[in-house]
Protein backbone atom coordinates (compact mmCIF):
# COMPACT_ATOMS: atom_id res chain seq x y z
CA MET A 1 165.93 117.39 106.98
CA ASN A 2 167.97 120.55 106.00
CA ILE A 3 166.03 123.57 105.14
CA LEU A 4 166.34 127.30 103.87
CA ILE A 5 163.10 129.25 104.61
CA THR A 6 163.07 132.70 102.70
CA ALA A 7 161.51 136.01 104.34
CA SER A 8 160.93 133.88 107.55
CA SER A 9 162.12 136.65 110.52
CA ARG A 10 157.96 137.30 111.00
CA GLY A 11 154.64 136.76 109.66
CA ILE A 12 154.39 132.97 107.24
CA GLY A 13 157.95 132.39 107.40
CA PHE A 14 158.68 132.65 111.03
CA ASN A 15 155.99 130.68 111.71
CA LEU A 16 156.27 127.96 109.61
CA ALA A 17 160.03 127.77 110.86
CA ARG A 18 158.88 127.33 114.32
CA GLU A 19 156.57 124.74 113.45
CA LEU A 20 159.22 122.66 111.31
CA LEU A 21 161.68 123.05 114.31
CA LYS A 22 159.20 121.67 116.30
CA ARG A 23 158.74 118.70 114.22
CA GLY A 24 162.88 117.98 114.08
CA HIS A 25 164.01 119.45 111.02
CA ARG A 26 167.11 121.87 110.98
CA VAL A 27 166.83 125.35 109.48
CA VAL A 28 168.14 128.39 108.36
CA ILE A 29 165.74 131.66 108.57
CA SER A 30 166.78 134.88 106.44
CA SER A 31 165.44 138.40 105.94
CA SER A 32 166.16 141.86 104.71
CA ASN A 33 166.15 143.14 108.65
CA ILE A 34 169.08 142.07 110.76
CA ASP A 35 167.24 143.84 113.68
CA ASN A 36 163.72 141.34 113.37
CA LEU A 37 166.23 138.34 112.18
CA ARG A 38 168.04 138.84 115.49
CA LYS A 39 164.56 138.89 117.16
CA ALA A 40 163.43 136.01 115.35
CA TYR A 41 166.40 133.29 116.12
CA GLN A 42 166.27 134.71 119.75
CA GLU A 43 162.66 133.33 119.62
CA LEU A 44 162.92 130.08 117.58
CA GLU A 45 166.21 128.76 119.10
CA ARG A 46 164.94 127.24 122.08
CA PHE A 47 162.61 124.67 119.40
CA GLY A 48 165.64 123.53 117.77
CA LYS A 49 168.90 123.93 115.66
CA VAL A 50 168.23 127.31 113.70
CA ASP A 51 170.73 129.71 111.75
CA TYR A 52 169.90 133.15 110.49
CA PHE A 53 171.35 135.16 107.73
CA LYS A 54 170.23 138.41 106.16
CA ALA A 55 169.82 138.29 102.75
CA ASP A 56 167.74 140.71 100.18
CA VAL A 57 165.69 138.57 97.94
CA LEU A 58 165.77 141.26 95.32
CA VAL A 59 169.85 140.92 95.02
CA LYS A 60 171.23 138.68 93.09
CA ASP A 61 174.67 138.38 95.02
CA ASP A 62 172.86 137.77 98.39
CA LEU A 63 171.13 134.66 96.75
CA GLU A 64 173.68 133.64 96.11
CA LEU A 65 175.63 133.87 99.40
CA LEU A 66 172.24 133.09 101.23
CA VAL A 67 172.69 129.53 99.38
CA LYS A 68 176.72 129.50 100.28
CA ASN A 69 176.07 130.12 104.25
CA ALA A 70 173.34 128.29 104.90
CA TRP A 71 174.94 125.29 103.00
CA GLU A 72 177.80 125.76 105.03
CA SER A 73 175.86 126.42 108.26
CA MET A 74 173.74 123.22 107.47
CA ASN A 75 176.42 120.80 105.80
CA GLY A 76 174.07 120.84 102.91
CA ILE A 77 170.56 122.23 102.36
CA ASP A 78 167.30 119.33 101.56
CA ALA A 79 164.93 121.87 100.96
CA LEU A 80 164.10 124.99 100.28
CA ILE A 81 160.92 126.73 100.94
CA TRP A 82 160.24 130.31 99.37
CA ASN A 83 158.34 132.86 101.19
CA ALA A 84 157.80 136.17 99.75
CA PRO A 85 157.64 139.94 101.43
CA ASN A 86 154.83 141.92 99.88
CA ILE A 87 155.59 144.79 97.26
CA LYS A 88 156.25 147.88 98.64
CA CYS A 89 153.51 149.62 96.62
CA GLU A 90 150.59 146.83 98.02
CA PRO A 91 148.22 146.86 98.02
CA CYS A 92 147.72 148.94 94.67
CA MET A 93 145.27 149.09 92.05
CA VAL A 94 146.94 148.78 88.05
CA HIS A 95 145.79 152.22 86.99
CA GLU A 96 147.98 152.92 90.31
CA ALA A 97 151.08 150.76 89.39
CA ARG A 98 154.41 152.11 88.10
CA TYR A 99 157.25 150.80 86.04
CA MET A 100 159.63 149.68 88.98
CA ASP A 101 156.15 148.73 90.67
CA TRP A 102 155.81 145.75 87.65
CA ALA A 103 159.85 145.23 87.53
CA GLU A 104 159.70 144.32 91.72
CA ALA A 105 156.82 142.10 91.09
CA ALA A 106 158.59 139.66 88.69
CA LEU A 107 161.61 139.73 90.31
CA LEU A 108 160.28 139.09 93.83
CA HIS A 109 157.73 136.99 92.22
CA ILE A 110 159.07 134.88 89.70
CA ALA A 111 163.09 136.15 89.06
CA SER A 112 164.18 135.37 92.47
CA PRO A 113 162.41 132.18 93.49
CA GLY A 114 163.76 130.38 89.76
CA TYR A 115 167.59 131.59 90.37
CA LEU A 116 167.37 130.63 93.59
CA THR A 117 166.28 127.24 92.63
CA THR A 118 168.56 127.13 90.17
CA LEU A 119 171.43 127.75 92.32
CA LEU A 120 170.26 124.45 94.79
CA ILE A 121 169.42 122.13 91.62
CA GLN A 122 172.79 122.94 90.18
CA ALA A 123 174.24 122.04 93.50
CA TRP A 124 171.82 118.62 94.01
CA LEU A 125 173.04 117.50 90.51
CA GLU A 126 176.43 117.85 91.47
CA LYS A 127 176.47 116.13 94.62
CA LYS A 128 174.17 113.77 93.63
CA MET A 129 171.44 114.62 96.04
CA LYS A 130 167.97 114.61 96.44
CA GLY A 131 166.05 118.02 96.95
CA VAL A 132 162.64 119.08 97.58
CA VAL A 133 160.98 123.04 96.58
CA ILE A 134 158.81 124.79 98.28
CA TYR A 135 156.92 127.49 96.89
CA LEU A 136 154.47 129.60 99.10
CA SER A 137 151.93 130.81 96.95
CA SER A 138 148.37 132.68 97.31
CA VAL A 139 145.13 131.07 96.09
CA SER A 140 144.40 134.57 94.90
CA VAL A 141 146.16 133.42 91.62
CA ARG A 142 143.62 131.65 91.27
CA GLU A 143 141.18 133.63 91.86
CA PRO A 144 142.26 137.12 91.05
CA MET A 145 142.00 140.23 94.13
CA PRO A 146 142.25 143.52 92.65
CA PRO A 147 144.55 144.89 94.92
CA LEU A 148 147.24 141.98 94.60
CA LEU A 149 147.71 142.05 90.78
CA LEU A 150 151.19 143.04 90.24
CA ALA A 151 151.95 140.33 92.23
CA ASP A 152 149.41 137.11 91.36
CA THR A 153 150.67 138.32 88.02
CA ALA A 154 154.48 137.25 88.75
CA ARG A 155 153.74 134.27 91.27
CA ALA A 156 151.06 132.31 89.02
CA GLY A 157 154.22 131.28 87.01
CA LEU A 158 155.45 129.54 89.97
CA ILE A 159 152.72 126.48 89.60
CA GLN A 160 154.34 126.32 85.57
CA LEU A 161 157.98 126.24 87.70
CA ALA A 162 157.07 123.61 90.46
CA LYS A 163 155.64 121.01 87.64
CA GLY A 164 158.37 121.84 85.48
CA ILE A 165 161.31 121.04 88.42
CA SER A 166 159.25 118.08 88.95
CA ARG A 167 159.07 116.50 85.40
CA THR A 168 162.76 117.27 84.95
CA TYR A 169 164.13 116.56 87.40
CA GLY A 170 162.32 113.96 89.43
CA GLY A 171 163.80 111.29 88.01
CA LYS A 172 167.04 112.35 90.10
CA GLY A 173 165.17 112.72 93.19
CA ILE A 174 164.49 116.61 93.02
CA ARG A 175 160.83 117.47 93.49
CA ALA A 176 158.68 120.89 93.71
CA TYR A 177 155.32 122.10 94.95
CA THR A 178 153.42 125.03 95.32
CA VAL A 179 151.04 125.68 97.93
CA LEU A 180 148.29 128.52 97.29
CA LEU A 181 147.38 129.66 100.45
CA GLY A 182 144.25 131.37 102.22
CA SER A 183 144.23 134.12 104.92
CA PHE A 184 146.83 134.01 107.79
CA ASP A 185 146.96 136.45 110.92
CA THR A 186 150.23 137.87 109.98
CA PRO A 187 151.57 141.11 110.27
CA GLY A 188 151.47 141.89 106.60
CA ALA A 189 148.01 140.64 106.13
CA ARG A 190 146.95 142.97 108.70
CA GLU A 191 148.96 146.29 107.43
CA ASN A 192 147.50 145.47 104.08
CA LEU A 193 143.80 144.96 105.08
CA THR A 194 144.23 147.95 107.47
CA LYS A 195 145.75 150.18 104.50
CA LEU A 196 142.72 149.06 102.67
CA ALA A 197 139.97 149.64 105.13
CA GLU A 198 141.26 153.14 105.73
CA GLU A 199 140.73 154.53 102.11
CA LYS A 200 137.52 152.96 102.15
CA GLY A 201 136.85 154.66 105.69
CA ILE A 202 135.94 151.10 107.24
CA ASP A 203 136.73 149.87 110.75
CA PRO A 204 139.88 147.93 110.25
CA GLN A 205 138.37 144.75 112.52
CA GLU A 206 135.44 144.63 110.90
CA PHE A 207 136.83 145.19 107.38
CA TRP A 208 139.20 142.32 108.37
CA LYS A 209 136.14 140.14 109.93
CA ARG A 210 133.92 141.31 106.31
CA GLU A 211 136.93 140.00 104.04
CA VAL A 212 138.85 137.39 105.99
CA LEU A 213 137.03 135.66 108.64
CA GLU A 214 133.60 135.61 106.70
CA ARG A 215 135.15 134.78 103.83
CA THR A 216 135.38 130.80 104.68
CA PRO A 217 132.60 128.55 106.09
CA LEU A 218 135.47 127.80 108.90
CA LYS A 219 135.20 131.72 109.96
CA ARG A 220 138.96 131.94 110.76
CA THR A 221 141.77 131.84 109.61
CA GLY A 222 144.59 129.60 108.80
CA LYS A 223 146.47 127.73 112.19
CA TRP A 224 150.18 127.41 111.74
CA GLU A 225 149.85 123.85 112.95
CA GLU A 226 147.81 123.02 109.99
CA LEU A 227 150.25 124.87 107.70
CA GLY A 228 153.24 122.91 109.63
CA ALA A 229 151.98 119.68 109.31
CA LEU A 230 151.14 120.03 105.02
CA ILE A 231 154.84 121.13 104.81
CA ASP A 232 156.25 118.35 107.18
CA PHE A 233 154.21 115.66 104.70
CA LEU A 234 155.40 117.26 101.65
CA LEU A 235 158.94 117.43 102.15
CA SER A 236 158.67 113.66 103.28
CA GLU A 237 158.92 110.64 100.86
CA ASN A 238 155.51 109.91 101.22
CA ALA A 239 154.90 112.87 99.47
CA GLU A 240 156.88 111.70 96.13
CA TYR A 241 153.95 110.73 94.23
CA MET A 242 152.58 113.92 94.46
CA LEU A 243 155.69 115.89 92.84
CA GLY A 244 154.76 119.09 90.89
CA SER A 245 151.25 118.94 92.24
CA THR A 246 149.53 122.13 93.32
CA ILE A 247 148.01 122.37 96.90
CA VAL A 248 145.33 124.81 97.67
CA PHE A 249 145.50 125.39 101.22
CA ASP A 250 142.81 127.88 101.95
CA GLY A 251 139.77 126.84 104.00
CA ALA A 252 137.70 126.53 101.17
CA MET A 253 137.83 130.62 101.48
CA THR A 254 137.51 131.24 97.11
CA LYS A 255 135.63 129.39 94.83
CA ALA A 256 137.59 128.66 92.24
CA ILE A 257 138.65 124.99 91.53
């Protein structure tokens, strides 16, 4: 499959790109940071066919150019995996949020993935192609975490979007899923937890252990090969009857059902 992954120069997007390349997919990675992108490309190219394009997912023209470039690079896009960077103010409480923080959250977590989805569905319909959209979200939309409320309020809409796309276009071979992720050991996760630990005067390593590892009965974060296997399955025809589904992938971290 030819797959476009957003926000994929590091963290979840980067590691997922590696796992999908190892499984034989072709991948385009993207980021607003060209230096990180070049470094990621150099690390990924030994695993399979990969290309990269600079794109700020908050900018409409960048989204349009990203689809154009990725399509031309791979001679078509079969799937979009939407991954988003953190909002700049995170971790931040509601009483600390400014108007532009709320605007960024809405743009980053619903408007941008929505518009990118529109662009691809238009192309798939025009060319009578099948397509898959997978939104990577957070399990905190089911069980709110106060420092992430801005993001969670916005990205909760992706569940509705995936279901609506599947009901509307599923008969034409276009399907969508939302994956609610638990904790993974990423630079972004470490940065957020370190900020919170420093605010509370707690050792960051102890805070990570308490707030991440000990929240799941497995006492660990998710493994990249586990996430890669799940996404590879959702991309396959074997997951067709699951179209529109929301998948919780959190190691039983949350109490929500």
